[in-house]
Amino acid sequence: LALPRQLGLMDALLRHLATWLSGYALAQTVFTCLYMHSPPGLEGDPCLACFIDGMHHLCGQVCRLLSQAGVVKEEDLSGHAFGLPVVDAAAGDVALRAARLRQQQQHLHAALQAAGPGASVVALDAELGAAGGEQ
């Protein structure tokens, strides 16, 4: 995907995450994005793959924390019931994921700098088009 589309997709996934955290079903929010269903298929796009991996990890951590706290019913968080690939978040993976995210953040920043001052406007325009239903 082109950089503006990647940024738009990331923004949309963050909005879906916020919707899920406000009480909607995981299957009807975050996992409406098809990229969330096949992270291994993103090898050709390391930035997007890293972001999707981070989203998987975050969803797994939230599910684990809420289950341990006992503040929700298990079926509210059970992505496995819907066949969703929810990652069991292992604490040892956090440092590795954080390093990958920092590396990709630097890559995106460099790409935006190289694209010039209008790149942010193009990215915003693409994101607004995606939010409005254009594809």
N, C-alpha and C. Protein backbone atom coordinates (compact mmCIF):
# COMPACT_ATOMS: atom_id res chain seq x y z
N LEU A 1 0.83 -1.19 0.00
CA LEU A 1 0.00 0.00 0.00
C LEU A 1 0.87 1.24 0.00
N ALA A 2 0.38 2.28 -0.64
CA ALA A 2 1.07 3.56 -0.62
C ALA A 2 1.00 4.16 0.79
N LEU A 3 1.95 5.00 1.10
CA LEU A 3 2.04 5.59 2.44
C LEU A 3 0.74 6.26 2.89
N PRO A 4 0.09 7.07 2.07
CA PRO A 4 -1.17 7.68 2.52
C PRO A 4 -2.24 6.64 2.89
N ARG A 5 -2.31 5.56 2.13
CA ARG A 5 -3.28 4.50 2.44
C ARG A 5 -2.92 3.79 3.75
N GLN A 6 -1.62 3.57 3.95
CA GLN A 6 -1.19 2.93 5.20
C GLN A 6 -1.58 3.78 6.40
N LEU A 7 -1.32 5.08 6.31
CA LEU A 7 -1.66 5.97 7.42
C LEU A 7 -3.17 6.01 7.64
N GLY A 8 -3.93 6.01 6.57
CA GLY A 8 -5.39 5.99 6.69
C GLY A 8 -5.89 4.71 7.33
N LEU A 9 -5.29 3.58 6.94
CA LEU A 9 -5.66 2.29 7.53
C LEU A 9 -5.32 2.25 9.01
N MET A 10 -4.15 2.75 9.37
CA MET A 10 -3.75 2.78 10.78
C MET A 10 -4.72 3.65 11.59
N ASP A 11 -5.09 4.79 11.04
CA ASP A 11 -6.02 5.67 11.72
C ASP A 11 -7.38 4.99 11.90
N ALA A 12 -7.84 4.32 10.85
CA ALA A 12 -9.13 3.62 10.94
C ALA A 12 -9.07 2.52 12.00
N LEU A 13 -7.96 1.78 12.05
CA LEU A 13 -7.84 0.72 13.05
C LEU A 13 -7.81 1.29 14.47
N LEU A 14 -7.19 2.43 14.65
CA LEU A 14 -7.19 3.05 15.97
C LEU A 14 -8.60 3.51 16.36
N ARG A 15 -9.37 3.98 15.39
CA ARG A 15 -10.77 4.33 15.68
C ARG A 15 -11.56 3.08 16.05
N HIS A 16 -11.32 1.98 15.34
CA HIS A 16 -12.00 0.72 15.67
C HIS A 16 -11.60 0.24 17.06
N LEU A 17 -10.34 0.41 17.41
CA LEU A 17 -9.88 0.03 18.75
C LEU A 17 -10.62 0.82 19.82
N ALA A 18 -10.74 2.13 19.60
CA ALA A 18 -11.46 2.96 20.56
C ALA A 18 -12.93 2.54 20.67
N THR A 19 -13.52 2.17 19.56
CA THR A 19 -14.92 1.71 19.57
C THR A 19 -15.04 0.41 20.36
N TRP A 20 -14.09 -0.52 20.15
CA TRP A 20 -14.10 -1.78 20.90
C TRP A 20 -13.95 -1.51 22.40
N LEU A 21 -13.03 -0.62 22.76
CA LEU A 21 -12.79 -0.33 24.17
C LEU A 21 -13.97 0.37 24.82
N SER A 22 -14.83 1.00 24.00
CA SER A 22 -16.01 1.65 24.57
C SER A 22 -17.16 0.67 24.78
N GLY A 23 -16.97 -0.60 24.38
CA GLY A 23 -17.97 -1.60 24.73
C GLY A 23 -18.54 -2.42 23.59
N TYR A 24 -18.11 -2.20 22.38
CA TYR A 24 -18.62 -2.97 21.25
C TYR A 24 -17.83 -4.27 21.10
N ALA A 25 -18.32 -5.18 20.29
CA ALA A 25 -17.69 -6.49 20.12
C ALA A 25 -16.40 -6.39 19.31
N LEU A 26 -15.42 -7.18 19.71
CA LEU A 26 -14.13 -7.21 19.01
C LEU A 26 -14.32 -7.62 17.55
N ALA A 27 -15.20 -8.58 17.31
CA ALA A 27 -15.44 -9.06 15.95
C ALA A 27 -16.09 -8.01 15.07
N GLN A 28 -16.79 -7.05 15.67
CA GLN A 28 -17.49 -6.04 14.90
C GLN A 28 -16.76 -4.71 14.85
N THR A 29 -15.55 -4.67 15.40
CA THR A 29 -14.78 -3.43 15.39
C THR A 29 -13.39 -3.69 14.79
N VAL A 30 -12.44 -4.05 15.61
CA VAL A 30 -11.05 -4.20 15.17
C VAL A 30 -10.92 -5.25 14.07
N PHE A 31 -11.62 -6.35 14.20
CA PHE A 31 -11.46 -7.45 13.25
C PHE A 31 -12.35 -7.33 12.01
N THR A 32 -12.92 -6.14 11.79
CA THR A 32 -13.57 -5.91 10.49
C THR A 32 -12.51 -5.59 9.44
N CYS A 33 -11.31 -5.29 9.88
CA CYS A 33 -10.19 -5.04 8.96
C CYS A 33 -9.60 -6.40 8.54
N LEU A 34 -9.61 -6.68 7.27
CA LEU A 34 -9.13 -7.98 6.79
C LEU A 34 -7.65 -8.20 7.05
N TYR A 35 -6.87 -7.13 7.14
CA TYR A 35 -5.45 -7.29 7.46
C TYR A 35 -5.25 -7.91 8.84
N MET A 36 -6.20 -7.73 9.74
CA MET A 36 -6.08 -8.31 11.08
C MET A 36 -6.24 -9.83 11.05
N HIS A 37 -6.77 -10.38 9.97
CA HIS A 37 -6.99 -11.82 9.89
C HIS A 37 -5.81 -12.59 9.33
N SER A 38 -4.89 -11.91 8.65
CA SER A 38 -3.77 -12.64 8.06
C SER A 38 -2.47 -11.85 8.16
N PRO A 39 -1.99 -11.61 9.39
CA PRO A 39 -0.74 -10.86 9.55
C PRO A 39 0.47 -11.49 8.85
N PRO A 40 0.59 -12.82 8.76
CA PRO A 40 1.76 -13.37 8.05
C PRO A 40 1.78 -12.99 6.57
N GLY A 41 0.66 -12.61 6.00
CA GLY A 41 0.59 -12.25 4.59
C GLY A 41 1.11 -10.84 4.30
N LEU A 42 1.63 -10.16 5.30
CA LEU A 42 2.08 -8.77 5.14
C LEU A 42 3.60 -8.64 5.07
N GLU A 43 4.31 -9.73 4.77
CA GLU A 43 5.77 -9.67 4.76
C GLU A 43 6.31 -8.61 3.81
N GLY A 44 5.61 -8.34 2.72
CA GLY A 44 6.07 -7.35 1.75
C GLY A 44 5.92 -5.92 2.23
N ASP A 45 5.24 -5.71 3.34
CA ASP A 45 5.00 -4.37 3.87
C ASP A 45 5.35 -4.34 5.35
N PRO A 46 6.64 -4.18 5.68
CA PRO A 46 7.06 -4.30 7.08
C PRO A 46 6.42 -3.29 8.03
N CYS A 47 6.13 -2.10 7.55
CA CYS A 47 5.53 -1.09 8.41
C CYS A 47 4.11 -1.49 8.82
N LEU A 48 3.31 -1.86 7.86
CA LEU A 48 1.95 -2.27 8.14
C LEU A 48 1.93 -3.57 8.95
N ALA A 49 2.84 -4.49 8.63
CA ALA A 49 2.93 -5.75 9.38
C ALA A 49 3.24 -5.48 10.85
N CYS A 50 4.13 -4.55 11.10
CA CYS A 50 4.49 -4.20 12.47
C CYS A 50 3.30 -3.59 13.21
N PHE A 51 2.57 -2.71 12.54
CA PHE A 51 1.41 -2.08 13.15
C PHE A 51 0.33 -3.12 13.46
N ILE A 52 0.06 -4.00 12.52
CA ILE A 52 -0.95 -5.05 12.72
C ILE A 52 -0.54 -5.97 13.86
N ASP A 53 0.74 -6.33 13.90
CA ASP A 53 1.24 -7.15 14.99
C ASP A 53 1.04 -6.46 16.33
N GLY A 54 1.32 -5.16 16.37
CA GLY A 54 1.10 -4.39 17.59
C GLY A 54 -0.36 -4.35 18.00
N MET A 55 -1.25 -4.22 17.01
CA MET A 55 -2.69 -4.23 17.31
C MET A 55 -3.12 -5.58 17.88
N HIS A 56 -2.59 -6.67 17.29
CA HIS A 56 -2.89 -8.00 17.82
C HIS A 56 -2.43 -8.12 19.27
N HIS A 57 -1.22 -7.67 19.51
CA HIS A 57 -0.67 -7.76 20.85
C HIS A 57 -1.50 -6.92 21.83
N LEU A 58 -1.86 -5.71 21.44
CA LEU A 58 -2.66 -4.84 22.29
C LEU A 58 -4.02 -5.46 22.61
N CYS A 59 -4.67 -6.01 21.58
CA CYS A 59 -5.97 -6.66 21.82
C CYS A 59 -5.81 -7.84 22.78
N GLY A 60 -4.74 -8.62 22.60
CA GLY A 60 -4.48 -9.74 23.49
C GLY A 60 -4.24 -9.29 24.92
N GLN A 61 -3.48 -8.20 25.08
CA GLN A 61 -3.21 -7.69 26.42
C GLN A 61 -4.49 -7.19 27.09
N VAL A 62 -5.30 -6.46 26.35
CA VAL A 62 -6.56 -5.94 26.91
C VAL A 62 -7.47 -7.10 27.32
N CYS A 63 -7.59 -8.09 26.46
CA CYS A 63 -8.42 -9.26 26.80
C CYS A 63 -7.91 -9.94 28.05
N ARG A 64 -6.59 -10.11 28.14
CA ARG A 64 -5.99 -10.76 29.31
C ARG A 64 -6.25 -9.96 30.58
N LEU A 65 -6.03 -8.65 30.52
CA LEU A 65 -6.22 -7.80 31.70
C LEU A 65 -7.68 -7.77 32.16
N LEU A 66 -8.59 -7.65 31.22
CA LEU A 66 -10.01 -7.62 31.59
C LEU A 66 -10.48 -8.96 32.13
N SER A 67 -9.95 -10.04 31.60
CA SER A 67 -10.31 -11.37 32.10
C SER A 67 -9.79 -11.56 33.53
N GLN A 68 -8.56 -11.13 33.76
CA GLN A 68 -7.98 -11.26 35.10
C GLN A 68 -8.71 -10.39 36.11
N ALA A 69 -9.15 -9.23 35.68
CA ALA A 69 -9.85 -8.32 36.59
C ALA A 69 -11.26 -8.81 36.87
N GLY A 70 -11.81 -9.64 36.01
CA GLY A 70 -13.15 -10.17 36.22
C GLY A 70 -14.24 -9.12 36.07
N VAL A 71 -14.01 -8.13 35.21
CA VAL A 71 -14.99 -7.06 35.06
C VAL A 71 -15.93 -7.25 33.87
N VAL A 72 -15.70 -8.29 33.09
CA VAL A 72 -16.57 -8.57 31.96
C VAL A 72 -16.83 -10.06 31.88
N LYS A 73 -17.84 -10.42 31.12
CA LYS A 73 -18.10 -11.83 30.88
C LYS A 73 -17.13 -12.34 29.82
N GLU A 74 -16.74 -13.59 29.92
CA GLU A 74 -15.74 -14.15 29.01
C GLU A 74 -16.18 -14.06 27.56
N GLU A 75 -17.47 -14.25 27.29
CA GLU A 75 -17.92 -14.22 25.90
C GLU A 75 -17.81 -12.83 25.28
N ASP A 76 -17.72 -11.79 26.10
CA ASP A 76 -17.55 -10.44 25.58
C ASP A 76 -16.17 -10.24 24.95
N LEU A 77 -15.20 -11.01 25.40
CA LEU A 77 -13.83 -10.85 24.94
C LEU A 77 -13.34 -12.00 24.08
N SER A 78 -14.09 -13.04 24.00
CA SER A 78 -13.61 -14.25 23.36
C SER A 78 -13.61 -14.12 21.85
N GLY A 79 -12.48 -13.73 21.31
CA GLY A 79 -12.34 -13.68 19.86
C GLY A 79 -12.29 -15.07 19.27
N HIS A 80 -11.82 -16.03 20.07
CA HIS A 80 -11.71 -17.41 19.59
C HIS A 80 -13.09 -18.00 19.26
N ALA A 81 -14.12 -17.53 19.94
CA ALA A 81 -15.47 -18.04 19.66
C ALA A 81 -15.91 -17.67 18.25
N PHE A 82 -15.37 -16.58 17.73
CA PHE A 82 -15.71 -16.14 16.38
C PHE A 82 -14.65 -16.55 15.36
N GLY A 83 -13.66 -17.32 15.81
CA GLY A 83 -12.58 -17.74 14.92
C GLY A 83 -11.58 -16.63 14.65
N LEU A 84 -11.50 -15.66 15.54
CA LEU A 84 -10.59 -14.54 15.36
C LEU A 84 -9.20 -14.91 15.88
N PRO A 85 -8.17 -14.48 15.17
CA PRO A 85 -6.80 -14.81 15.59
C PRO A 85 -6.28 -13.86 16.67
N VAL A 86 -6.86 -13.94 17.88
CA VAL A 86 -6.42 -13.09 18.98
C VAL A 86 -5.13 -13.69 19.55
N VAL A 87 -4.11 -12.86 19.63
CA VAL A 87 -2.79 -13.30 20.08
C VAL A 87 -2.77 -13.36 21.60
N ASP A 88 -2.24 -14.45 22.15
CA ASP A 88 -1.99 -14.51 23.58
C ASP A 88 -0.74 -13.68 23.84
N ALA A 89 -0.90 -12.60 24.55
CA ALA A 89 0.19 -11.65 24.73
C ALA A 89 1.19 -12.15 25.76
N ALA A 90 2.38 -12.46 25.29
CA ALA A 90 3.46 -12.88 26.16
C ALA A 90 4.29 -11.67 26.54
N ALA A 91 4.63 -11.55 27.81
CA ALA A 91 5.37 -10.38 28.29
C ALA A 91 6.76 -10.28 27.65
N GLY A 92 7.39 -11.38 27.32
CA GLY A 92 8.72 -11.37 26.74
C GLY A 92 8.78 -10.74 25.36
N ASP A 93 7.65 -10.68 24.68
CA ASP A 93 7.61 -10.12 23.33
C ASP A 93 7.52 -8.59 23.32
N VAL A 94 7.28 -7.98 24.46
CA VAL A 94 7.03 -6.55 24.51
C VAL A 94 8.24 -5.75 24.03
N ALA A 95 9.43 -6.07 24.51
CA ALA A 95 10.62 -5.32 24.11
C ALA A 95 10.89 -5.45 22.62
N LEU A 96 10.71 -6.65 22.08
CA LEU A 96 10.91 -6.87 20.65
C LEU A 96 9.90 -6.08 19.83
N ARG A 97 8.65 -6.12 20.23
CA ARG A 97 7.62 -5.37 19.51
C ARG A 97 7.86 -3.87 19.60
N ALA A 98 8.26 -3.39 20.77
CA ALA A 98 8.53 -1.96 20.94
C ALA A 98 9.67 -1.51 20.04
N ALA A 99 10.71 -2.32 19.94
CA ALA A 99 11.84 -1.98 19.07
C ALA A 99 11.42 -1.94 17.61
N ARG A 100 10.61 -2.92 17.19
CA ARG A 100 10.12 -2.94 15.80
C ARG A 100 9.24 -1.73 15.53
N LEU A 101 8.38 -1.37 16.48
CA LEU A 101 7.51 -0.20 16.30
C LEU A 101 8.33 1.08 16.19
N ARG A 102 9.36 1.23 17.02
CA ARG A 102 10.22 2.42 16.94
C ARG A 102 10.92 2.50 15.58
N GLN A 103 11.41 1.35 15.12
CA GLN A 103 12.11 1.32 13.82
C GLN A 103 11.16 1.73 12.70
N GLN A 104 9.94 1.23 12.70
CA GLN A 104 8.99 1.56 11.66
C GLN A 104 8.50 3.00 11.79
N GLN A 105 8.42 3.50 13.01
CA GLN A 105 8.06 4.90 13.20
C GLN A 105 9.11 5.81 12.57
N GLN A 106 10.38 5.48 12.78
CA GLN A 106 11.45 6.26 12.17
C GLN A 106 11.40 6.17 10.65
N HIS A 107 11.07 4.97 10.13
CA HIS A 107 10.94 4.78 8.69
C HIS A 107 9.82 5.67 8.13
N LEU A 108 8.67 5.67 8.78
CA LEU A 108 7.54 6.50 8.33
C LEU A 108 7.89 7.98 8.39
N HIS A 109 8.54 8.38 9.47
CA HIS A 109 8.92 9.78 9.61
C HIS A 109 9.87 10.19 8.48
N ALA A 110 10.85 9.35 8.18
CA ALA A 110 11.79 9.64 7.10
C ALA A 110 11.08 9.69 5.75
N ALA A 111 10.13 8.79 5.54
CA ALA A 111 9.39 8.77 4.27
C ALA A 111 8.56 10.04 4.10
N LEU A 112 7.93 10.49 5.18
CA LEU A 112 7.15 11.74 5.11
C LEU A 112 8.05 12.94 4.88
N GLN A 113 9.22 12.96 5.52
CA GLN A 113 10.16 14.06 5.33
C GLN A 113 10.65 14.09 3.88
N ALA A 114 10.95 12.92 3.33
CA ALA A 114 11.45 12.83 1.95
C ALA A 114 10.37 13.21 0.94
N ALA A 115 9.12 12.95 1.28
CA ALA A 115 8.02 13.25 0.36
C ALA A 115 7.73 14.74 0.28
N GLY A 116 8.20 15.49 1.23
CA GLY A 116 8.02 16.94 1.18
C GLY A 116 6.85 17.41 2.03
N PRO A 117 6.66 18.72 2.08
CA PRO A 117 5.65 19.30 2.97
C PRO A 117 4.21 18.95 2.59
N GLY A 118 3.94 18.62 1.35
CA GLY A 118 2.57 18.29 0.95
C GLY A 118 2.16 16.87 1.27
N ALA A 119 3.10 16.03 1.71
CA ALA A 119 2.80 14.61 1.95
C ALA A 119 1.75 14.42 3.04
N SER A 120 1.80 15.24 4.07
CA SER A 120 0.82 15.11 5.15
C SER A 120 -0.57 15.44 4.64
N VAL A 121 -0.67 16.41 3.75
CA VAL A 121 -1.97 16.78 3.18
C VAL A 121 -2.50 15.64 2.32
N VAL A 122 -1.62 15.02 1.53
CA VAL A 122 -2.03 13.90 0.69
C VAL A 122 -2.49 12.74 1.57
N ALA A 123 -1.74 12.46 2.65
CA ALA A 123 -2.10 11.38 3.56
C ALA A 123 -3.46 11.66 4.21
N LEU A 124 -3.68 12.89 4.65
CA LEU A 124 -4.95 13.25 5.26
C LEU A 124 -6.08 13.12 4.25
N ASP A 125 -5.86 13.57 3.02
CA ASP A 125 -6.88 13.47 1.98
C ASP A 125 -7.24 12.01 1.71
N ALA A 126 -6.23 11.14 1.65
CA ALA A 126 -6.48 9.72 1.42
C ALA A 126 -7.24 9.12 2.58
N GLU A 127 -6.89 9.52 3.80
CA GLU A 127 -7.56 8.99 4.98
C GLU A 127 -9.01 9.43 5.02
N LEU A 128 -9.26 10.69 4.70
CA LEU A 128 -10.64 11.19 4.68
C LEU A 128 -11.45 10.50 3.59
N GLY A 129 -10.83 10.21 2.46
CA GLY A 129 -11.51 9.47 1.40
C GLY A 129 -11.86 8.06 1.85
N ALA A 130 -10.93 7.42 2.57
CA ALA A 130 -11.18 6.06 3.06
C ALA A 130 -12.26 6.08 4.12
N ALA A 131 -12.27 7.10 4.98
CA ALA A 131 -13.29 7.19 6.02
C ALA A 131 -14.66 7.44 5.42
N GLY A 132 -14.69 8.10 4.26
CA GLY A 132 -15.97 8.40 3.62
C GLY A 132 -16.49 7.26 2.76
N GLY A 133 -15.75 6.14 2.73
CA GLY A 133 -16.23 4.98 1.99
C GLY A 133 -15.57 4.80 0.65
N GLU A 134 -14.69 5.72 0.22
CA GLU A 134 -14.00 5.57 -1.05
C GLU A 134 -12.91 4.53 -0.89
N GLN A 135 -12.71 3.70 -1.90
CA GLN A 135 -11.62 2.73 -1.88
C GLN A 135 -11.02 2.62 -3.23
